[in-house]
């Protein structure tokens, strides 16, 4: 594999060249080994009106796209400085293209803002390799400044289904079998037929339990934008006695499928039903059949420990916790580089003090 003779292209979403690039980018992102839905062409439509994002594209001399970054231009409240943000990106055909793409980003964006922030969605060993590349390219780790999780529980789908089943806790296997005996029906939806009902239930559950929903009020719009695109998300819902009682939404991320949203019924009788375990089991089998390498349970909050109910639920499927890359930054303006570094150090100290 050669990484010589690479070319860089900047394309403005909605610009005169956008129509000819959108399909090419979507085709690349559908086969990228490293990626995240916040970097996909369809997602750009959700943020385009407010932030006019651009795509920085790295391609071979043959024209094949090997890396892309959806770059948002954000004005901060600190002296009106411009921060360029590549959320959960870039997308990469494979990790070998990270270093040249980082150099392309620095070169093309050097006069566009004060600093560049990114956090590629890579896990485990790949995250360790990416960390080395980022540091060598002059990027500094900010240790979770974006508020994203930096560990996750994931399941290797390359193993036989029986091996995955054997790794589950006995309590998880019992719940799956019990759901089958109760004839709880699992429906698979790639067209978005249940999307409105699903997100209505998600928002209700989030309000009742007091937690934030990824994407907030725009979660449904994000899902709708991606459902007709490549690679597209999928819903799984449980139906019992004619009523939808639980659901999960999976979002594509390179060679992974991520559990991003979910809800369980809140009616008094629902809490005694085995709702979510079988949903995830069926979703894993589906993802494996689609060729995904990993089923990602969408973050593990290490600071809460194994006694946290959500963490404990995820550990029932996968006892292996993998690291996820934190946020990294690169000062595009030497004038503000030191200022940014001081601000990050101050944030680290105050976060550390608050946690003690």
Protein backbone atom coordinates (compact mmCIF):
# COMPACT_ATOMS: atom_id res chain seq x y z
CA UNK A 1 0.00 0.00 0.00
CA UNK A 2 1.48 3.34 -1.02
CA UNK A 3 0.79 6.66 0.63
CA UNK A 4 2.89 8.64 -1.81
CA UNK A 5 1.53 11.22 -4.26
CA UNK A 6 -1.43 12.17 -2.08
CA UNK A 7 -3.60 15.13 -3.00
CA UNK A 8 -5.70 17.41 -0.80
CA UNK A 9 -9.06 18.93 -1.74
CA UNK A 10 -11.28 21.29 0.27
CA UNK A 11 -14.98 21.16 -0.56
CA UNK A 12 -17.62 23.47 0.92
CA UNK A 13 -20.89 21.74 1.73
CA UNK A 14 -23.55 23.29 -0.46
CA UNK A 15 -20.91 24.88 -2.68
CA UNK A 16 -20.71 24.60 -6.48
CA UNK A 17 -18.69 21.35 -6.36
CA UNK A 18 -20.66 19.71 -3.58
CA UNK A 19 -23.02 17.61 -5.71
CA UNK A 20 -20.18 15.82 -7.49
CA UNK A 21 -18.35 15.13 -4.21
CA UNK A 22 -21.23 14.07 -1.94
CA UNK A 23 -21.74 10.63 -3.50
CA UNK A 24 -18.00 9.94 -3.73
CA UNK A 25 -17.55 10.79 -0.07
CA UNK A 26 -20.52 8.69 0.99
CA UNK A 27 -19.12 5.70 -0.93
CA UNK A 28 -15.74 6.15 0.79
CA UNK A 29 -17.29 6.53 4.24
CA UNK A 30 -19.29 3.35 3.78
CA UNK A 31 -16.05 1.34 3.51
CA UNK A 32 -13.80 3.36 5.82
CA UNK A 33 -12.28 1.29 8.61
CA UNK A 34 -12.21 4.28 10.97
CA UNK A 35 -15.11 6.70 11.04
CA UNK A 36 -18.09 8.05 12.95
CA UNK A 37 -21.55 9.22 11.93
CA UNK A 38 -20.71 12.81 12.97
CA UNK A 39 -18.26 12.82 10.08
CA UNK A 40 -20.60 11.45 7.43
CA UNK A 41 -22.00 13.33 4.44
CA UNK A 42 -25.57 12.96 5.65
CA UNK A 43 -24.71 14.41 9.05
CA UNK A 44 -23.22 17.50 7.39
CA UNK A 45 -26.73 18.48 6.30
CA UNK A 46 -27.81 18.75 9.95
CA UNK A 47 -25.15 21.33 10.84
CA UNK A 48 -24.63 22.98 7.43
CA UNK A 49 -27.05 25.87 7.79
CA UNK A 50 -25.62 27.07 11.08
CA UNK A 51 -21.91 26.47 10.63
CA UNK A 52 -21.14 26.09 6.90
CA UNK A 53 -18.77 23.15 7.40
CA UNK A 54 -16.20 22.07 4.85
CA UNK A 55 -14.74 18.68 4.01
CA UNK A 56 -10.96 18.33 3.80
CA UNK A 57 -10.34 15.31 1.59
CA UNK A 58 -7.14 13.32 1.07
CA UNK A 59 -7.01 11.17 -2.03
CA UNK A 60 -4.54 9.14 -4.05
CA UNK A 61 -3.33 10.39 -7.41
CA UNK A 62 -5.72 7.81 -8.90
CA UNK A 63 -8.61 9.76 -7.34
CA UNK A 64 -9.47 7.24 -4.62
CA UNK A 65 -10.49 8.96 -1.37
CA UNK A 66 -8.55 7.64 1.65
CA UNK A 67 -9.39 10.20 4.36
CA UNK A 68 -11.87 12.98 5.03
CA UNK A 69 -12.65 15.47 7.79
CA UNK A 70 -15.90 17.35 8.28
CA UNK A 71 -14.59 20.61 9.76
CA UNK A 72 -16.91 22.92 11.67
CA UNK A 73 -15.98 26.58 12.25
CA UNK A 74 -17.00 27.66 15.77
CA UNK A 75 -16.63 31.11 17.31
CA UNK A 76 -15.73 30.82 20.97
CA UNK A 77 -16.72 33.18 23.75
CA UNK A 78 -13.06 33.85 24.55
CA UNK A 79 -12.11 36.99 22.58
CA UNK A 80 -14.18 35.74 19.64
CA UNK A 81 -11.49 33.25 18.60
CA UNK A 82 -12.31 30.72 15.89
CA UNK A 83 -11.98 27.05 16.79
CA UNK A 84 -12.03 24.47 14.02
CA UNK A 85 -13.63 21.24 15.14
CA UNK A 86 -13.48 17.73 13.62
CA UNK A 87 -15.94 15.88 15.86
CA UNK A 88 -15.16 12.18 16.31
CA UNK A 89 -13.06 12.32 13.17
CA UNK A 90 -11.48 12.12 10.70
CA UNK A 91 -12.71 9.17 8.63
CA UNK A 92 -9.86 6.96 7.41
CA UNK A 93 -9.63 4.08 5.00
CA UNK A 94 -7.20 2.73 7.60
CA UNK A 95 -4.85 4.07 10.26
CA UNK A 96 -1.93 4.39 7.78
CA UNK A 97 -3.54 7.50 6.32
CA UNK A 98 -3.87 9.41 9.61
CA UNK A 99 -0.41 11.05 9.53
CA UNK A 100 -0.60 12.46 5.97
CA UNK A 101 -4.17 13.60 6.54
CA UNK A 102 -3.17 15.47 9.70
CA UNK A 103 -0.46 17.27 7.73
CA UNK A 104 -3.03 18.16 5.06
CA UNK A 105 -5.39 19.56 7.73
CA UNK A 106 -2.65 21.73 9.24
CA UNK A 107 -1.57 23.03 5.85
CA UNK A 108 -5.01 23.82 4.44
CA UNK A 109 -6.52 25.26 7.64
CA UNK A 110 -3.56 27.24 8.98
CA UNK A 111 -5.16 30.63 8.23
CA UNK A 112 -8.71 29.65 9.11
CA UNK A 113 -8.73 29.73 12.90
CA UNK A 114 -6.78 29.88 16.16
CA UNK A 115 -6.70 26.15 16.80
CA UNK A 116 -7.87 22.81 15.46
CA UNK A 117 -9.62 20.28 17.68
CA UNK A 118 -10.27 16.64 16.81
CA UNK A 119 -10.81 13.25 18.43
CA UNK A 120 -10.72 10.31 15.98
CA UNK A 121 -13.04 7.46 16.92
CA UNK A 122 -10.53 4.67 17.36
CA UNK A 123 -10.41 2.05 20.10
CA UNK A 124 -7.98 -0.30 21.79
CA UNK A 125 -4.71 -0.99 19.98
CA UNK A 126 -5.68 1.29 17.11
CA UNK A 127 -6.20 4.14 19.59
CA UNK A 128 -2.67 3.61 20.92
CA UNK A 129 -1.25 3.81 17.38
CA UNK A 130 -3.29 6.93 16.63
CA UNK A 131 -2.08 8.59 19.84
CA UNK A 132 1.55 8.17 18.72
CA UNK A 133 0.78 9.62 15.28
CA UNK A 134 -1.08 12.61 16.73
CA UNK A 135 1.74 13.47 19.13
CA UNK A 136 4.36 13.19 16.40
CA UNK A 137 2.25 15.55 14.28
CA UNK A 138 2.32 18.19 17.01
CA UNK A 139 -1.12 17.59 18.54
CA UNK A 140 -1.62 17.78 22.31
CA UNK A 141 -4.06 15.64 24.25
CA UNK A 142 -6.62 17.63 26.25
CA UNK A 143 -7.92 14.64 28.27
CA UNK A 144 -11.60 14.60 27.55
CA UNK A 145 -12.15 18.32 27.07
CA UNK A 146 -14.94 17.60 24.58
CA UNK A 147 -16.95 15.80 27.25
CA UNK A 148 -16.83 12.54 25.29
CA UNK A 149 -16.34 9.14 26.90
CA UNK A 150 -12.81 7.75 26.65
CA UNK A 151 -13.52 4.09 27.35
CA UNK A 152 -16.10 1.74 25.88
CA UNK A 153 -17.29 -1.85 26.09
CA UNK A 154 -17.24 -3.60 22.72
CA UNK A 155 -17.67 -7.10 21.36
CA UNK A 156 -15.50 -8.67 18.69
CA UNK A 157 -17.94 -9.90 16.05
CA UNK A 158 -15.28 -11.87 14.18
CA UNK A 159 -15.66 -14.61 16.77
CA UNK A 160 -18.32 -17.26 16.30
CA UNK A 161 -21.74 -16.41 17.70
CA UNK A 162 -21.51 -19.25 20.18
CA UNK A 163 -18.31 -17.83 21.63
CA UNK A 164 -19.98 -14.45 22.12
CA UNK A 165 -22.91 -16.15 23.82
CA UNK A 166 -20.58 -18.01 26.20
CA UNK A 167 -18.92 -14.71 27.20
CA UNK A 168 -22.22 -13.26 28.45
CA UNK A 169 -22.96 -13.39 32.14
CA UNK A 170 -25.38 -16.20 33.07
CA UNK A 171 -27.93 -13.55 34.08
CA UNK A 172 -27.81 -12.04 30.57
CA UNK A 173 -28.35 -15.42 28.92
CA UNK A 174 -31.30 -16.08 31.25
CA UNK A 175 -32.89 -12.76 30.33
CA UNK A 176 -32.56 -13.48 26.61
CA UNK A 177 -34.12 -16.94 26.98
CA UNK A 178 -36.90 -15.53 29.14
CA UNK A 179 -37.73 -12.91 26.50
CA UNK A 180 -38.01 -15.67 23.91
CA UNK A 181 -40.33 -17.71 26.14
CA UNK A 182 -42.57 -14.69 26.73
CA UNK A 183 -42.85 -14.22 22.94
CA UNK A 184 -41.50 -10.67 23.11
CA UNK A 185 -41.22 -9.83 19.43
CA UNK A 186 -38.08 -8.11 18.13
CA UNK A 187 -38.56 -5.93 15.04
CA UNK A 188 -35.72 -4.67 12.87
CA UNK A 189 -36.20 -1.30 11.14
CA UNK A 190 -33.79 0.10 8.52
CA UNK A 191 -36.37 2.46 6.99
CA UNK A 192 -37.14 4.63 10.03
CA UNK A 193 -40.76 3.52 10.35
CA UNK A 194 -40.51 3.56 14.15
CA UNK A 195 -38.18 6.57 14.40
CA UNK A 196 -40.67 9.18 15.64
CA UNK A 197 -42.15 6.86 18.28
CA UNK A 198 -38.69 5.65 19.26
CA UNK A 199 -37.25 9.13 19.91
CA UNK A 200 -40.39 10.29 21.67
CA UNK A 201 -39.93 7.39 24.09
CA UNK A 202 -36.20 8.13 24.40
CA UNK A 203 -36.84 11.76 25.36
CA UNK A 204 -39.49 10.71 27.89
CA UNK A 205 -37.16 8.17 29.49
CA UNK A 206 -34.30 10.70 29.58
CA UNK A 207 -36.45 13.30 31.33
CA UNK A 208 -37.75 10.77 33.85
CA UNK A 209 -34.29 9.40 34.69
CA UNK A 210 -32.49 12.72 34.53
CA UNK A 211 -29.85 12.04 31.91
CA UNK A 212 -28.89 13.76 28.65
CA UNK A 213 -29.69 12.30 25.26
CA UNK A 214 -26.91 12.25 22.61
CA UNK A 215 -27.83 14.92 20.07
CA UNK A 216 -30.42 16.44 22.41
CA UNK A 217 -33.48 17.83 20.66
CA UNK A 218 -31.85 17.20 17.27
CA UNK A 219 -31.49 13.44 17.82
CA UNK A 220 -34.46 12.58 15.59
CA UNK A 221 -33.26 14.95 12.84
CA UNK A 222 -29.80 13.39 12.93
CA UNK A 223 -31.28 9.91 12.64
CA UNK A 224 -33.59 10.92 9.79
CA UNK A 225 -30.70 12.50 7.90
CA UNK A 226 -28.67 9.31 8.12
CA UNK A 227 -31.41 6.73 7.57
CA UNK A 228 -31.52 7.36 3.80
CA UNK A 229 -27.75 7.58 3.40
CA UNK A 230 -24.72 5.33 3.41
CA UNK A 231 -23.73 3.90 5.81
CA UNK A 232 -27.12 4.04 7.49
CA UNK A 233 -28.32 3.47 11.09
CA UNK A 234 -30.85 0.88 12.22
CA UNK A 235 -33.51 0.53 14.89
CA UNK A 236 -34.47 -2.56 16.88
CA UNK A 237 -37.67 -2.46 18.94
CA UNK A 238 -39.40 -4.94 21.25
CA UNK A 239 -43.14 -5.42 21.00
CA UNK A 240 -45.15 -7.14 23.73
CA UNK A 241 -48.90 -7.63 23.66
CA UNK A 242 -49.16 -5.23 20.74
CA UNK A 243 -47.20 -2.42 22.38
CA UNK A 244 -43.65 -1.14 21.75
CA UNK A 245 -41.94 -1.55 25.12
CA UNK A 246 -38.23 -1.03 24.38
CA UNK A 247 -35.86 -0.02 21.61
CA UNK A 248 -32.24 0.63 20.64
CA UNK A 249 -30.70 2.66 17.81
CA UNK A 250 -27.38 1.63 16.27
CA UNK A 251 -25.19 4.12 14.45
CA UNK A 252 -22.38 3.25 12.00
CA UNK A 253 -18.78 4.07 12.93
CA UNK A 254 -16.31 2.68 10.41
CA UNK A 255 -16.06 -1.06 11.06
CA UNK A 256 -18.10 -0.72 14.27
CA UNK A 257 -21.80 -0.44 15.03
CA UNK A 258 -22.44 1.79 18.07
CA UNK A 259 -25.38 1.58 20.45
CA UNK A 260 -26.21 5.29 20.60
CA UNK A 261 -29.80 5.61 21.90
CA UNK A 262 -32.21 3.37 23.74
CA UNK A 263 -35.20 3.20 26.05
CA UNK A 264 -37.09 0.66 28.14
CA UNK A 265 -40.78 0.84 28.99
CA UNK A 266 -41.70 2.90 32.05
CA UNK A 267 -45.13 1.49 32.82
CA UNK A 268 -45.34 -0.38 36.15
CA UNK A 269 -45.36 -3.85 34.59
CA UNK A 270 -42.53 -3.12 32.16
CA UNK A 271 -39.77 -3.15 34.75
CA UNK A 272 -40.34 -6.86 35.32
CA UNK A 273 -40.00 -7.74 31.64
CA UNK A 274 -36.68 -8.86 30.05
CA UNK A 275 -36.58 -6.07 27.47
CA UNK A 276 -33.11 -4.88 26.47
CA UNK A 277 -30.90 -7.97 26.63
CA UNK A 278 -32.49 -9.76 23.70
CA UNK A 279 -32.58 -6.53 21.68
CA UNK A 280 -28.80 -6.28 21.90
CA UNK A 281 -28.32 -9.98 21.16
CA UNK A 282 -30.39 -9.73 17.98
CA UNK A 283 -28.61 -6.49 17.03
CA UNK A 284 -25.20 -8.15 17.45
CA UNK A 285 -26.24 -10.99 15.17
CA UNK A 286 -27.52 -8.52 12.59
CA UNK A 287 -24.32 -6.42 12.71
CA UNK A 288 -22.19 -9.53 12.32
CA UNK A 289 -24.21 -10.54 9.26
CA UNK A 290 -23.64 -7.08 7.77
CA UNK A 291 -19.87 -7.48 8.06
CA UNK A 292 -19.18 -5.16 11.00
CA UNK A 293 -16.12 -6.13 13.04
CA UNK A 294 -17.29 -4.79 16.43
CA UNK A 295 -20.49 -4.14 18.31
CA UNK A 296 -19.87 -1.08 20.48
CA UNK A 297 -22.01 -0.59 23.58
CA UNK A 298 -21.62 3.17 23.40
CA UNK A 299 -19.24 4.16 26.16
CA UNK A 300 -18.26 3.00 29.63
CA UNK A 301 -18.09 5.62 32.39
CA UNK A 302 -15.00 4.41 34.22
CA UNK A 303 -15.31 7.02 36.99
CA UNK A 304 -18.67 5.50 38.04
CA UNK A 305 -17.34 1.97 38.50
CA UNK A 306 -18.98 -1.41 38.00
CA UNK A 307 -21.80 -0.70 40.42
CA UNK A 308 -23.30 1.93 38.12
CA UNK A 309 -26.44 0.26 36.67
CA UNK A 310 -25.65 1.16 33.03
CA UNK A 311 -22.01 0.10 33.36
CA UNK A 312 -23.04 -3.17 34.99
CA UNK A 313 -25.55 -3.85 32.20
CA UNK A 314 -22.85 -3.40 29.55
CA UNK A 315 -20.32 -5.52 31.43
CA UNK A 316 -22.82 -8.36 31.32
CA UNK A 317 -22.22 -8.54 27.56
CA UNK A 318 -18.55 -7.61 27.43
CA UNK A 319 -16.10 -7.73 30.33
CA UNK A 320 -13.41 -6.13 28.13
CA UNK A 321 -13.16 -2.33 28.34
CA UNK A 322 -11.20 -0.56 25.60
CA UNK A 323 -9.76 2.94 25.46
CA UNK A 324 -11.21 5.54 23.08
CA UNK A 325 -9.20 8.54 21.96
CA UNK A 326 -9.69 11.78 23.86
CA UNK A 327 -9.69 15.26 22.35
CA UNK A 328 -6.48 16.60 20.78
CA UNK A 329 -5.68 20.13 19.68
CA UNK A 330 -3.18 21.85 17.41
CA UNK A 331 -2.53 25.63 17.55
CA UNK A 332 -2.94 26.97 14.02
CA UNK A 333 -1.90 30.41 15.22
CA UNK A 334 1.47 30.59 17.07
CA UNK A 335 0.25 33.76 18.80
CA UNK A 336 -2.56 31.92 20.54
CA UNK A 337 -0.83 28.55 20.95
CA UNK A 338 0.56 29.34 24.39
CA UNK A 339 -2.71 30.92 25.51
CA UNK A 340 -4.64 27.79 24.52
CA UNK A 341 -2.16 25.56 26.33
CA UNK A 342 -2.49 27.62 29.51
CA UNK A 343 -6.30 27.46 29.30
CA UNK A 344 -6.22 23.68 28.94
CA UNK A 345 -3.89 23.30 31.92
CA UNK A 346 -6.17 25.53 33.98
CA UNK A 347 -9.18 23.40 32.99
CA UNK A 348 -7.34 20.23 34.01
CA UNK A 349 -6.48 21.69 37.43
CA UNK A 350 -10.02 22.91 38.10
CA UNK A 351 -11.49 19.56 36.98
CA UNK A 352 -9.08 17.72 39.26
CA UNK A 353 -9.95 19.99 42.18
CA UNK A 354 -13.68 19.57 41.59
CA UNK A 355 -13.31 15.78 41.63
CA UNK A 356 -11.56 15.67 45.01
